[in-house]
Amino acid sequence: MDQDEPRGEVIAAGATREKTGNPISRFFGSIALFFRQVIAELRKVVTPTRKELFKFTAVVLVFVLIVMGIVYGLDTLFAWLTHIVFGVPDA
């Protein structure tokens, strides 16, 4: 394995090998390759710091509030337009 080449890429490169041998061993070999690739990807995950976590949470909450405002505004607009077009039935 090259020092410059990350482990995950080497494992993924093995997925393109020519398929030879018995189908059962290929099946279990592909399962093993899948789990090796999953572990290689999980090793790349970086846990955010506490400060980053609060920052990301705040960004998500602000975005959700903005989308809620847009949906509320559109709902109110369409309700008003429906009222204008169809009117209110007499009671």
C-alpha atoms as a PDB file:
ATOM      1  CA  MET A   1       0.000   0.000   0.000  1.00  0.00           C
ATOM      2  CA  ASP A   2       1.301   3.470  -0.899  1.00  0.00           C
ATOM      3  CA  GLN A   3       1.858   5.921   1.934  1.00  0.00           C
ATOM      4  CA  ASP A   4       0.054   8.649  -0.078  1.00  0.00           C
ATOM      5  CA  GLU A   5      -3.012   6.523  -0.739  1.00  0.00           C
ATOM      6  CA  PRO A   6      -5.636   6.447   2.050  1.00  0.00           C
ATOM      7  CA  ARG A   7      -6.778   3.035   3.242  1.00  0.00           C
ATOM      8  CA  GLY A   8     -10.394   3.585   2.151  1.00  0.00           C
ATOM      9  CA  GLU A   9      -9.389   4.089  -1.480  1.00  0.00           C
ATOM     10  CA  VAL A  10      -7.367   0.886  -1.471  1.00  0.00           C
ATOM     11  CA  ILE A  11     -10.329  -1.069  -0.137  1.00  0.00           C
ATOM     12  CA  ALA A  12     -12.675   0.546  -2.650  1.00  0.00           C
ATOM     13  CA  ALA A  13     -10.257  -0.253  -5.466  1.00  0.00           C
ATOM     14  CA  GLY A  14     -10.553  -3.913  -4.499  1.00  0.00           C
ATOM     15  CA  ALA A  15     -14.254  -3.773  -5.336  1.00  0.00           C
ATOM     16  CA  THR A  16     -13.460  -3.573  -9.050  1.00  0.00           C
ATOM     17  CA  ARG A  17     -11.527  -6.845  -9.144  1.00  0.00           C
ATOM     18  CA  GLU A  18     -12.516  -9.438 -11.674  1.00  0.00           C
ATOM     19  CA  LYS A  19     -15.079 -11.848 -10.226  1.00  0.00           C
ATOM     20  CA  THR A  20     -13.663 -15.358 -10.146  1.00  0.00           C
ATOM     21  CA  GLY A  21     -14.260 -18.401  -8.024  1.00  0.00           C
ATOM     22  CA  ASN A  22     -17.289 -19.955  -6.495  1.00  0.00           C
ATOM     23  CA  PRO A  23     -20.474 -17.822  -6.155  1.00  0.00           C
ATOM     24  CA  ILE A  24     -20.828 -18.508  -2.413  1.00  0.00           C
ATOM     25  CA  SER A  25     -17.317 -17.293  -1.636  1.00  0.00           C
ATOM     26  CA  ARG A  26     -17.881 -14.257  -3.882  1.00  0.00           C
ATOM     27  CA  PHE A  27     -21.101 -13.509  -1.964  1.00  0.00           C
ATOM     28  CA  PHE A  28     -19.447 -13.664   1.458  1.00  0.00           C
ATOM     29  CA  GLY A  29     -16.375 -11.878   0.103  1.00  0.00           C
ATOM     30  CA  SER A  30     -18.534  -9.004  -1.119  1.00  0.00           C
ATOM     31  CA  ILE A  31     -20.190  -8.788   2.306  1.00  0.00           C
ATOM     32  CA  ALA A  32     -16.766  -8.667   3.971  1.00  0.00           C
ATOM     33  CA  LEU A  33     -15.631  -5.997   1.484  1.00  0.00           C
ATOM     34  CA  PHE A  34     -18.748  -3.952   2.259  1.00  0.00           C
ATOM     35  CA  PHE A  35     -18.033  -4.005   5.999  1.00  0.00           C
ATOM     36  CA  ARG A  36     -14.351  -3.103   5.420  1.00  0.00           C
ATOM     37  CA  GLN A  37     -15.481  -0.132   3.336  1.00  0.00           C
ATOM     38  CA  VAL A  38     -18.001   0.937   6.004  1.00  0.00           C
ATOM     39  CA  ILE A  39     -15.311   0.834   8.698  1.00  0.00           C
ATOM     40  CA  ALA A  40     -12.914   2.783   6.463  1.00  0.00           C
ATOM     41  CA  GLU A  41     -15.559   5.491   5.943  1.00  0.00           C
ATOM     42  CA  LEU A  42     -16.385   5.646   9.658  1.00  0.00           C
ATOM     43  CA  ARG A  43     -12.710   6.296  10.423  1.00  0.00           C
ATOM     44  CA  LYS A  44     -12.924   9.438   8.260  1.00  0.00           C
ATOM     45  CA  VAL A  45     -15.757  10.923  10.384  1.00  0.00           C
ATOM     46  CA  VAL A  46     -14.732  13.969  12.410  1.00  0.00           C
ATOM     47  CA  THR A  47     -16.734  14.740  15.544  1.00  0.00           C
ATOM     48  CA  PRO A  48     -17.592  18.456  15.832  1.00  0.00           C
ATOM     49  CA  THR A  49     -16.423  20.430  18.835  1.00  0.00           C
ATOM     50  CA  ARG A  50     -18.939  21.712  21.372  1.00  0.00           C
ATOM     51  CA  LYS A  51     -18.713  25.230  19.889  1.00  0.00           C
ATOM     52  CA  GLU A  52     -19.300  23.925  16.348  1.00  0.00           C
ATOM     53  CA  LEU A  53     -22.215  21.812  17.524  1.00  0.00           C
ATOM     54  CA  PHE A  54     -23.983  24.831  19.069  1.00  0.00           C
ATOM     55  CA  LYS A  55     -23.252  26.898  15.956  1.00  0.00           C
ATOM     56  CA  PHE A  56     -24.668  24.235  13.610  1.00  0.00           C
ATOM     57  CA  THR A  57     -27.726  23.787  15.837  1.00  0.00           C
ATOM     58  CA  ALA A  58     -28.393  27.535  15.806  1.00  0.00           C
ATOM     59  CA  VAL A  59     -28.101  27.660  12.010  1.00  0.00           C
ATOM     60  CA  VAL A  60     -30.582  24.797  11.645  1.00  0.00           C
ATOM     61  CA  LEU A  61     -33.070  26.358  14.073  1.00  0.00           C
ATOM     62  CA  VAL A  62     -32.903  29.750  12.319  1.00  0.00           C
ATOM     63  CA  PHE A  63     -33.402  28.051   8.940  1.00  0.00           C
ATOM     64  CA  VAL A  64     -36.415  26.110  10.267  1.00  0.00           C
ATOM     65  CA  LEU A  65     -37.949  29.318  11.668  1.00  0.00           C
ATOM     66  CA  ILE A  66     -37.479  31.076   8.315  1.00  0.00           C
ATOM     67  CA  VAL A  67     -39.111  28.204   6.414  1.00  0.00           C
ATOM     68  CA  MET A  68     -41.965  28.141   8.952  1.00  0.00           C
ATOM     69  CA  GLY A  69     -42.510  31.859   8.338  1.00  0.00           C
ATOM     70  CA  ILE A  70     -42.571  31.360   4.574  1.00  0.00           C
ATOM     71  CA  VAL A  71     -45.043  28.471   4.827  1.00  0.00           C
ATOM     72  CA  TYR A  72     -47.248  30.452   7.243  1.00  0.00           C
ATOM     73  CA  GLY A  73     -47.206  33.454   4.898  1.00  0.00           C
ATOM     74  CA  LEU A  74     -48.086  31.365   1.852  1.00  0.00           C
ATOM     75  CA  ASP A  75     -50.844  29.562   3.756  1.00  0.00           C
ATOM     76  CA  THR A  76     -52.343  32.885   4.855  1.00  0.00           C
ATOM     77  CA  LEU A  77     -52.089  34.280   1.318  1.00  0.00           C
ATOM     78  CA  PHE A  78     -53.768  31.251  -0.254  1.00  0.00           C
ATOM     79  CA  ALA A  79     -56.510  31.252   2.404  1.00  0.00           C
ATOM     80  CA  TRP A  80     -57.173  34.935   1.682  1.00  0.00           C
ATOM     81  CA  LEU A  81     -57.216  34.307  -2.094  1.00  0.00           C
ATOM     82  CA  THR A  82     -59.601  31.371  -1.639  1.00  0.00           C
ATOM     83  CA  HIS A  83     -61.859  33.561   0.470  1.00  0.00           C
ATOM     84  CA  ILE A  84     -61.839  36.275  -2.220  1.00  0.00           C
ATOM     85  CA  VAL A  85     -62.489  33.854  -5.114  1.00  0.00           C
ATOM     86  CA  PHE A  86     -65.102  31.578  -3.534  1.00  0.00           C
ATOM     87  CA  GLY A  87     -66.522  33.882  -0.870  1.00  0.00           C
ATOM     88  CA  VAL A  88     -68.100  32.805   2.380  1.00  0.00           C
ATOM     89  CA  PRO A  89     -71.361  30.840   2.168  1.00  0.00           C
ATOM     90  CA  ASP A  90     -74.336  32.426   3.885  1.00  0.00           C
ATOM     91  CA  ALA A  91     -75.214  30.762   7.159  1.00  0.00           C
END
